[in-house]
Amino acid sequence: MTGEHDVKFTALGERLADTIPGSTHEVIADAGHAVHLEQPHRFSEITSHWLREQFEVSAGDDQPS
């Protein structure tokens, strides 16, 4: 997750997302390097969504076959 005004780390984040299977990269509008401070609600939405997805996958792995 990077801010749209943080050109260096947005480019890096896009490259990482392209090379790491299953990864994603979110670019946050109207934010620079400190996304969590500049767009806290959007940061929380994305982080909460990601955590819910991880929990659902983990919970499903514990189910007997």
C-alpha atoms as a PDB file:
ATOM      1  CA  MET A   1       0.000   0.000   0.000  1.00  0.00           C
ATOM      2  CA  THR A   2       1.506   3.287  -1.071  1.00  0.00           C
ATOM      3  CA  GLY A   3       0.361   6.850  -1.525  1.00  0.00           C
ATOM      4  CA  GLU A   4      -0.015   8.126  -5.069  1.00  0.00           C
ATOM      5  CA  HIS A   5       2.389  11.003  -4.356  1.00  0.00           C
ATOM      6  CA  ASP A   6       5.146   8.654  -3.164  1.00  0.00           C
ATOM      7  CA  VAL A   7       6.484   7.920  -6.634  1.00  0.00           C
ATOM      8  CA  LYS A   8       9.551   5.925  -5.547  1.00  0.00           C
ATOM      9  CA  PHE A   9       7.741   3.488  -3.271  1.00  0.00           C
ATOM     10  CA  THR A  10       4.695   3.207  -5.531  1.00  0.00           C
ATOM     11  CA  ALA A  11       6.974   1.996  -8.340  1.00  0.00           C
ATOM     12  CA  LEU A  12       8.680  -0.412  -5.932  1.00  0.00           C
ATOM     13  CA  GLY A  13       5.325  -1.687  -4.633  1.00  0.00           C
ATOM     14  CA  GLU A  14       4.092  -2.334  -8.163  1.00  0.00           C
ATOM     15  CA  ARG A  15       7.252  -4.285  -9.005  1.00  0.00           C
ATOM     16  CA  LEU A  16       6.963  -6.351  -5.836  1.00  0.00           C
ATOM     17  CA  ALA A  17       3.301  -7.134  -6.492  1.00  0.00           C
ATOM     18  CA  ASP A  18       4.199  -8.259 -10.011  1.00  0.00           C
ATOM     19  CA  THR A  19       6.867 -10.664  -8.768  1.00  0.00           C
ATOM     20  CA  ILE A  20       5.332 -12.092  -5.562  1.00  0.00           C
ATOM     21  CA  PRO A  21       2.576 -14.626  -6.305  1.00  0.00           C
ATOM     22  CA  GLY A  22      -0.724 -13.819  -4.603  1.00  0.00           C
ATOM     23  CA  SER A  23       0.333 -10.326  -3.575  1.00  0.00           C
ATOM     24  CA  THR A  24      -1.508  -7.092  -4.247  1.00  0.00           C
ATOM     25  CA  HIS A  25      -0.567  -3.435  -4.247  1.00  0.00           C
ATOM     26  CA  GLU A  26      -2.972  -0.619  -3.460  1.00  0.00           C
ATOM     27  CA  VAL A  27      -2.242   2.976  -4.468  1.00  0.00           C
ATOM     28  CA  ILE A  28      -4.037   5.434  -2.188  1.00  0.00           C
ATOM     29  CA  ALA A  29      -5.263   8.725  -3.641  1.00  0.00           C
ATOM     30  CA  ASP A  30      -4.276  12.004  -1.997  1.00  0.00           C
ATOM     31  CA  ALA A  31      -1.505  10.437   0.079  1.00  0.00           C
ATOM     32  CA  GLY A  32       2.267  10.442   0.118  1.00  0.00           C
ATOM     33  CA  HIS A  33       4.656   8.307   2.135  1.00  0.00           C
ATOM     34  CA  ALA A  34       2.626   8.195   5.372  1.00  0.00           C
ATOM     35  CA  VAL A  35      -0.605   6.644   4.095  1.00  0.00           C
ATOM     36  CA  HIS A  36      -1.657   5.559   7.596  1.00  0.00           C
ATOM     37  CA  LEU A  37      -1.548   9.209   8.748  1.00  0.00           C
ATOM     38  CA  GLU A  38      -2.723  10.962   5.581  1.00  0.00           C
ATOM     39  CA  GLN A  39      -5.645   8.650   4.733  1.00  0.00           C
ATOM     40  CA  PRO A  40      -6.300   6.704   7.949  1.00  0.00           C
ATOM     41  CA  HIS A  41      -9.822   5.583   7.027  1.00  0.00           C
ATOM     42  CA  ARG A  42      -8.733   4.187   3.666  1.00  0.00           C
ATOM     43  CA  PHE A  43      -5.692   2.567   5.289  1.00  0.00           C
ATOM     44  CA  SER A  44      -7.964   0.902   7.872  1.00  0.00           C
ATOM     45  CA  GLU A  45     -10.418  -0.304   5.225  1.00  0.00           C
ATOM     46  CA  ILE A  46      -7.726  -1.953   3.147  1.00  0.00           C
ATOM     47  CA  THR A  47      -5.908  -3.423   6.141  1.00  0.00           C
ATOM     48  CA  SER A  48      -9.139  -4.762   7.682  1.00  0.00           C
ATOM     49  CA  HIS A  49     -10.188  -6.328   4.383  1.00  0.00           C
ATOM     50  CA  TRP A  50      -6.792  -8.007   3.984  1.00  0.00           C
ATOM     51  CA  LEU A  51      -6.880  -9.340   7.551  1.00  0.00           C
ATOM     52  CA  ARG A  52     -10.403 -10.731   7.077  1.00  0.00           C
ATOM     53  CA  GLU A  53      -9.269 -12.511   3.907  1.00  0.00           C
ATOM     54  CA  GLN A  54      -6.255 -14.009   5.694  1.00  0.00           C
ATOM     55  CA  PHE A  55      -8.386 -15.182   8.612  1.00  0.00           C
ATOM     56  CA  GLU A  56     -10.930 -16.831   6.303  1.00  0.00           C
ATOM     57  CA  VAL A  57      -8.177 -18.700   4.456  1.00  0.00           C
ATOM     58  CA  SER A  58      -6.545 -19.775   7.721  1.00  0.00           C
ATOM     59  CA  ALA A  59      -9.841 -20.869   9.242  1.00  0.00           C
ATOM     60  CA  GLY A  60     -10.621 -22.931   6.158  1.00  0.00           C
ATOM     61  CA  ASP A  61      -7.255 -24.699   6.380  1.00  0.00           C
ATOM     62  CA  ASP A  62      -8.150 -26.071   9.827  1.00  0.00           C
ATOM     63  CA  GLN A  63     -11.231 -27.890   8.587  1.00  0.00           C
ATOM     64  CA  PRO A  64     -10.981 -31.693   8.306  1.00  0.00           C
ATOM     65  CA  SER A  65     -11.073 -33.143   4.783  1.00  0.00           C
END
